[in-house]
Amino acid sequence: MNMNGPMNDAIRTRANKHLLHFGCEFASFVPARAEGTFLYDTQGNRMLDFTSG
């Protein structure tokens, strides 16, 4: 999964600065869209969203 790029880097930087950290580090997956129970990044990689109800 290629998650490099200025937009994804900026999002990760803001998340690390402003979001509460607990338990473990954030995943490097940056969603671009959602469909049903799946999230997709800009490269079309899919991740199951099973924690957000």
PDB file of N, CA and C in Angstrom:
ATOM      1  N   MET A   1       0.840  -1.176   0.000  1.00  0.00           N
ATOM      2  CA  MET A   1       0.000   0.000   0.000  1.00  0.00           C
ATOM      3  C   MET A   1       0.885   1.239   0.000  1.00  0.00           C
ATOM      4  N   ASN A   2       0.747   2.060  -1.002  1.00  0.00           N
ATOM      5  CA  ASN A   2       1.533   3.287  -1.095  1.00  0.00           C
ATOM      6  C   ASN A   2       0.758   4.433  -0.476  1.00  0.00           C
ATOM      7  N   MET A   3       1.184   4.883   0.683  1.00  0.00           N
ATOM      8  CA  MET A   3       0.488   5.973   1.371  1.00  0.00           C
ATOM      9  C   MET A   3       1.357   7.215   1.435  1.00  0.00           C
ATOM     10  N   ASN A   4       2.316   7.334   0.544  1.00  0.00           N
ATOM     11  CA  ASN A   4       3.161   8.519   0.502  1.00  0.00           C
ATOM     12  C   ASN A   4       2.525   9.564  -0.390  1.00  0.00           C
ATOM     13  N   GLY A   5       2.829  10.791  -0.111  1.00  0.00           N
ATOM     14  CA  GLY A   5       2.303  11.888  -0.906  1.00  0.00           C
ATOM     15  C   GLY A   5       2.023  13.073  -0.007  1.00  0.00           C
ATOM     16  N   PRO A   6       2.057  14.270  -0.559  1.00  0.00           N
ATOM     17  CA  PRO A   6       1.912  15.470   0.267  1.00  0.00           C
ATOM     18  C   PRO A   6       0.576  15.558   0.996  1.00  0.00           C
ATOM     19  N   MET A   7      -0.525  15.154   0.352  1.00  0.00           N
ATOM     20  CA  MET A   7      -1.834  15.242   1.003  1.00  0.00           C
ATOM     21  C   MET A   7      -1.914  14.287   2.188  1.00  0.00           C
ATOM     22  N   ASN A   8      -1.496  13.034   2.002  1.00  0.00           N
ATOM     23  CA  ASN A   8      -1.533  12.061   3.084  1.00  0.00           C
ATOM     24  C   ASN A   8      -0.578  12.448   4.205  1.00  0.00           C
ATOM     25  N   ASP A   9       0.595  12.964   3.874  1.00  0.00           N
ATOM     26  CA  ASP A   9       1.542  13.417   4.895  1.00  0.00           C
ATOM     27  C   ASP A   9       0.943  14.546   5.720  1.00  0.00           C
ATOM     28  N   ALA A  10       0.271  15.477   5.073  1.00  0.00           N
ATOM     29  CA  ALA A  10      -0.346  16.601   5.783  1.00  0.00           C
ATOM     30  C   ALA A  10      -1.455  16.121   6.709  1.00  0.00           C
ATOM     31  N   ILE A  11      -2.254  15.171   6.251  1.00  0.00           N
ATOM     32  CA  ILE A  11      -3.337  14.634   7.083  1.00  0.00           C
ATOM     33  C   ILE A  11      -2.763  13.916   8.295  1.00  0.00           C
ATOM     34  N   ARG A  12      -1.725  13.096   8.086  1.00  0.00           N
ATOM     35  CA  ARG A  12      -1.109  12.385   9.219  1.00  0.00           C
ATOM     36  C   ARG A  12      -0.486  13.360  10.209  1.00  0.00           C
ATOM     37  N   THR A  13       0.157  14.408   9.733  1.00  0.00           N
ATOM     38  CA  THR A  13       0.763  15.409  10.613  1.00  0.00           C
ATOM     39  C   THR A  13      -0.300  16.088  11.465  1.00  0.00           C
ATOM     40  N   ARG A  14      -1.404  16.471  10.851  1.00  0.00           N
ATOM     41  CA  ARG A  14      -2.493  17.114  11.603  1.00  0.00           C
ATOM     42  C   ARG A  14      -3.115  16.147  12.606  1.00  0.00           C
ATOM     43  N   ALA A  15      -3.300  14.896  12.218  1.00  0.00           N
ATOM     44  CA  ALA A  15      -3.875  13.907  13.127  1.00  0.00           C
ATOM     45  C   ALA A  15      -2.971  13.696  14.333  1.00  0.00           C
ATOM     46  N   ASN A  16      -1.673  13.560  14.105  1.00  0.00           N
ATOM     47  CA  ASN A  16      -0.738  13.361  15.212  1.00  0.00           C
ATOM     48  C   ASN A  16      -0.693  14.558  16.146  1.00  0.00           C
ATOM     49  N   LYS A  17      -0.934  15.745  15.611  1.00  0.00           N
ATOM     50  CA  LYS A  17      -0.894  16.958  16.423  1.00  0.00           C
ATOM     51  C   LYS A  17      -2.174  17.163  17.229  1.00  0.00           C
ATOM     52  N   HIS A  18      -3.328  16.834  16.650  1.00  0.00           N
ATOM     53  CA  HIS A  18      -4.602  17.235  17.241  1.00  0.00           C
ATOM     54  C   HIS A  18      -5.449  16.116  17.839  1.00  0.00           C
ATOM     55  N   LEU A  19      -5.217  14.869  17.481  1.00  0.00           N
ATOM     56  CA  LEU A  19      -6.064  13.789  17.976  1.00  0.00           C
ATOM     57  C   LEU A  19      -5.455  13.123  19.205  1.00  0.00           C
ATOM     58  N   LEU A  20      -6.314  12.665  20.082  1.00  0.00           N
ATOM     59  CA  LEU A  20      -5.898  11.978  21.297  1.00  0.00           C
ATOM     60  C   LEU A  20      -5.258  10.637  20.940  1.00  0.00           C
ATOM     61  N   HIS A  21      -4.099  10.371  21.500  1.00  0.00           N
ATOM     62  CA  HIS A  21      -3.404   9.106  21.267  1.00  0.00           C
ATOM     63  C   HIS A  21      -3.645   8.179  22.455  1.00  0.00           C
ATOM     64  N   PHE A  22      -4.081   6.962  22.160  1.00  0.00           N
ATOM     65  CA  PHE A  22      -4.281   5.971  23.209  1.00  0.00           C
ATOM     66  C   PHE A  22      -4.054   4.583  22.626  1.00  0.00           C
ATOM     67  N   GLY A  23      -3.468   3.715  23.402  1.00  0.00           N
ATOM     68  CA  GLY A  23      -3.319   2.325  23.020  1.00  0.00           C
ATOM     69  C   GLY A  23      -2.274   2.018  21.961  1.00  0.00           C
ATOM     70  N   CYS A  24      -2.458   2.522  20.776  1.00  0.00           N
ATOM     71  CA  CYS A  24      -1.532   2.207  19.687  1.00  0.00           C
ATOM     72  C   CYS A  24      -1.459   3.380  18.712  1.00  0.00           C
ATOM     73  N   GLU A  25      -0.533   3.279  17.773  1.00  0.00           N
ATOM     74  CA  GLU A  25      -0.377   4.341  16.780  1.00  0.00           C
ATOM     75  C   GLU A  25      -1.504   4.278  15.754  1.00  0.00           C
ATOM     76  N   PHE A  26      -1.772   5.410  15.119  1.00  0.00           N
ATOM     77  CA  PHE A  26      -2.770   5.459  14.069  1.00  0.00           C
ATOM     78  C   PHE A  26      -2.296   4.667  12.857  1.00  0.00           C
ATOM     79  N   ALA A  27      -3.232   4.066  12.154  1.00  0.00           N
ATOM     80  CA  ALA A  27      -2.910   3.403  10.892  1.00  0.00           C
ATOM     81  C   ALA A  27      -2.549   4.459   9.861  1.00  0.00           C
ATOM     82  N   SER A  28      -1.701   4.099   8.933  1.00  0.00           N
ATOM     83  CA  SER A  28      -1.303   5.058   7.909  1.00  0.00           C
ATOM     84  C   SER A  28      -2.337   5.162   6.791  1.00  0.00           C
ATOM     85  N   PHE A  29      -3.413   4.409   6.895  1.00  0.00           N
ATOM     86  CA  PHE A  29      -4.477   4.422   5.892  1.00  0.00           C
ATOM     87  C   PHE A  29      -5.246   5.733   5.982  1.00  0.00           C
ATOM     88  N   VAL A  30      -5.316   6.470   4.874  1.00  0.00           N
ATOM     89  CA  VAL A  30      -6.063   7.729   4.817  1.00  0.00           C
ATOM     90  C   VAL A  30      -7.231   7.518   3.859  1.00  0.00           C
ATOM     91  N   PRO A  31      -8.457   7.426   4.387  1.00  0.00           N
ATOM     92  CA  PRO A  31      -9.592   7.143   3.508  1.00  0.00           C
ATOM     93  C   PRO A  31      -9.932   8.313   2.595  1.00  0.00           C
ATOM     94  N   ALA A  32     -10.310   7.986   1.374  1.00  0.00           N
ATOM     95  CA  ALA A  32     -10.740   8.989   0.400  1.00  0.00           C
ATOM     96  C   ALA A  32     -12.240   8.889   0.145  1.00  0.00           C
ATOM     97  N   ARG A  33     -12.802   7.677   0.346  1.00  0.00           N
ATOM     98  CA  ARG A  33     -14.237   7.487   0.146  1.00  0.00           C
ATOM     99  C   ARG A  33     -14.683   6.255   0.920  1.00  0.00           C
ATOM    100  N   ALA A  34     -15.981   6.111   1.071  1.00  0.00           N
ATOM    101  CA  ALA A  34     -16.552   4.963   1.766  1.00  0.00           C
ATOM    102  C   ALA A  34     -17.671   4.377   0.922  1.00  0.00           C
ATOM    103  N   GLU A  35     -17.833   3.070   1.063  1.00  0.00           N
ATOM    104  CA  GLU A  35     -18.913   2.374   0.376  1.00  0.00           C
ATOM    105  C   GLU A  35     -19.330   1.212   1.260  1.00  0.00           C
ATOM    106  N   GLY A  36     -20.539   1.290   1.809  1.00  0.00           N
ATOM    107  CA  GLY A  36     -20.979   0.254   2.740  1.00  0.00           C
ATOM    108  C   GLY A  36     -20.090   0.240   3.968  1.00  0.00           C
ATOM    109  N   THR A  37     -19.545  -0.925   4.292  1.00  0.00           N
ATOM    110  CA  THR A  37     -18.679  -1.053   5.468  1.00  0.00           C
ATOM    111  C   THR A  37     -17.200  -0.929   5.121  1.00  0.00           C
ATOM    112  N   PHE A  38     -16.888  -0.505   3.912  1.00  0.00           N
ATOM    113  CA  PHE A  38     -15.495  -0.405   3.487  1.00  0.00           C
ATOM    114  C   PHE A  38     -15.077   1.036   3.232  1.00  0.00           C
ATOM    115  N   LEU A  39     -13.814   1.311   3.539  1.00  0.00           N
ATOM    116  CA  LEU A  39     -13.177   2.587   3.230  1.00  0.00           C
ATOM    117  C   LEU A  39     -12.159   2.331   2.132  1.00  0.00           C
ATOM    118  N   TYR A  40     -11.970   3.310   1.264  1.00  0.00           N
ATOM    119  CA  TYR A  40     -11.017   3.198   0.159  1.00  0.00           C
ATOM    120  C   TYR A  40     -10.073   4.387   0.188  1.00  0.00           C
ATOM    121  N   ASP A  41      -8.781   4.129  -0.095  1.00  0.00           N
ATOM    122  CA  ASP A  41      -7.835   5.236  -0.212  1.00  0.00           C
ATOM    123  C   ASP A  41      -7.774   5.685  -1.664  1.00  0.00           C
ATOM    124  N   THR A  42      -6.931   6.654  -1.959  1.00  0.00           N
ATOM    125  CA  THR A  42      -6.862   7.206  -3.309  1.00  0.00           C
ATOM    126  C   THR A  42      -6.281   6.228  -4.323  1.00  0.00           C
ATOM    127  N   GLN A  43      -5.600   5.162  -3.855  1.00  0.00           N
ATOM    128  CA  GLN A  43      -5.060   4.150  -4.758  1.00  0.00           C
ATOM    129  C   GLN A  43      -6.025   2.979  -4.946  1.00  0.00           C
ATOM    130  N   GLY A  44      -7.210   3.042  -4.320  1.00  0.00           N
ATOM    131  CA  GLY A  44      -8.195   1.979  -4.458  1.00  0.00           C
ATOM    132  C   GLY A  44      -8.048   0.853  -3.456  1.00  0.00           C
ATOM    133  N   ASN A  45      -7.116   0.961  -2.503  1.00  0.00           N
ATOM    134  CA  ASN A  45      -6.972  -0.055  -1.464  1.00  0.00           C
ATOM    135  C   ASN A  45      -8.177   0.007  -0.540  1.00  0.00           C
ATOM    136  N   ARG A  46      -8.654  -1.144  -0.098  1.00  0.00           N
ATOM    137  CA  ARG A  46      -9.874  -1.244   0.691  1.00  0.00           C
ATOM    138  C   ARG A  46      -9.558  -1.679   2.122  1.00  0.00           C
ATOM    139  N   MET A  47     -10.272  -1.095   3.092  1.00  0.00           N
ATOM    140  CA  MET A  47     -10.127  -1.470   4.493  1.00  0.00           C
ATOM    141  C   MET A  47     -11.522  -1.576   5.105  1.00  0.00           C
ATOM    142  N   LEU A  48     -11.754  -2.628   5.875  1.00  0.00           N
ATOM    143  CA  LEU A  48     -13.027  -2.819   6.552  1.00  0.00           C
ATOM    144  C   LEU A  48     -13.133  -1.853   7.720  1.00  0.00           C
ATOM    145  N   ASP A  49     -14.227  -1.092   7.782  1.00  0.00           N
ATOM    146  CA  ASP A  49     -14.480  -0.172   8.893  1.00  0.00           C
ATOM    147  C   ASP A  49     -15.358  -0.901   9.896  1.00  0.00           C
ATOM    148  N   PHE A  50     -14.737  -1.540  10.881  1.00  0.00           N
ATOM    149  CA  PHE A  50     -15.491  -2.325  11.841  1.00  0.00           C
ATOM    150  C   PHE A  50     -15.537  -1.692  13.228  1.00  0.00           C
ATOM    151  N   THR A  51     -14.973  -0.504  13.402  1.00  0.00           N
ATOM    152  CA  THR A  51     -14.931   0.097  14.736  1.00  0.00           C
ATOM    153  C   THR A  51     -15.837   1.302  14.892  1.00  0.00           C
ATOM    154  N   SER A  52     -16.446   1.781  13.821  1.00  0.00           N
ATOM    155  CA  SER A  52     -17.199   3.032  13.903  1.00  0.00           C
ATOM    156  C   SER A  52     -18.704   2.848  13.742  1.00  0.00           C
ATOM    157  N   GLY A  53     -19.198   1.735  14.209  1.00  0.00           N
ATOM    158  CA  GLY A  53     -20.632   1.510  14.250  1.00  0.00           C
ATOM    159  C   GLY A  53     -21.278   1.290  12.953  1.00  0.00           C
TER     160      GLY A  53
END
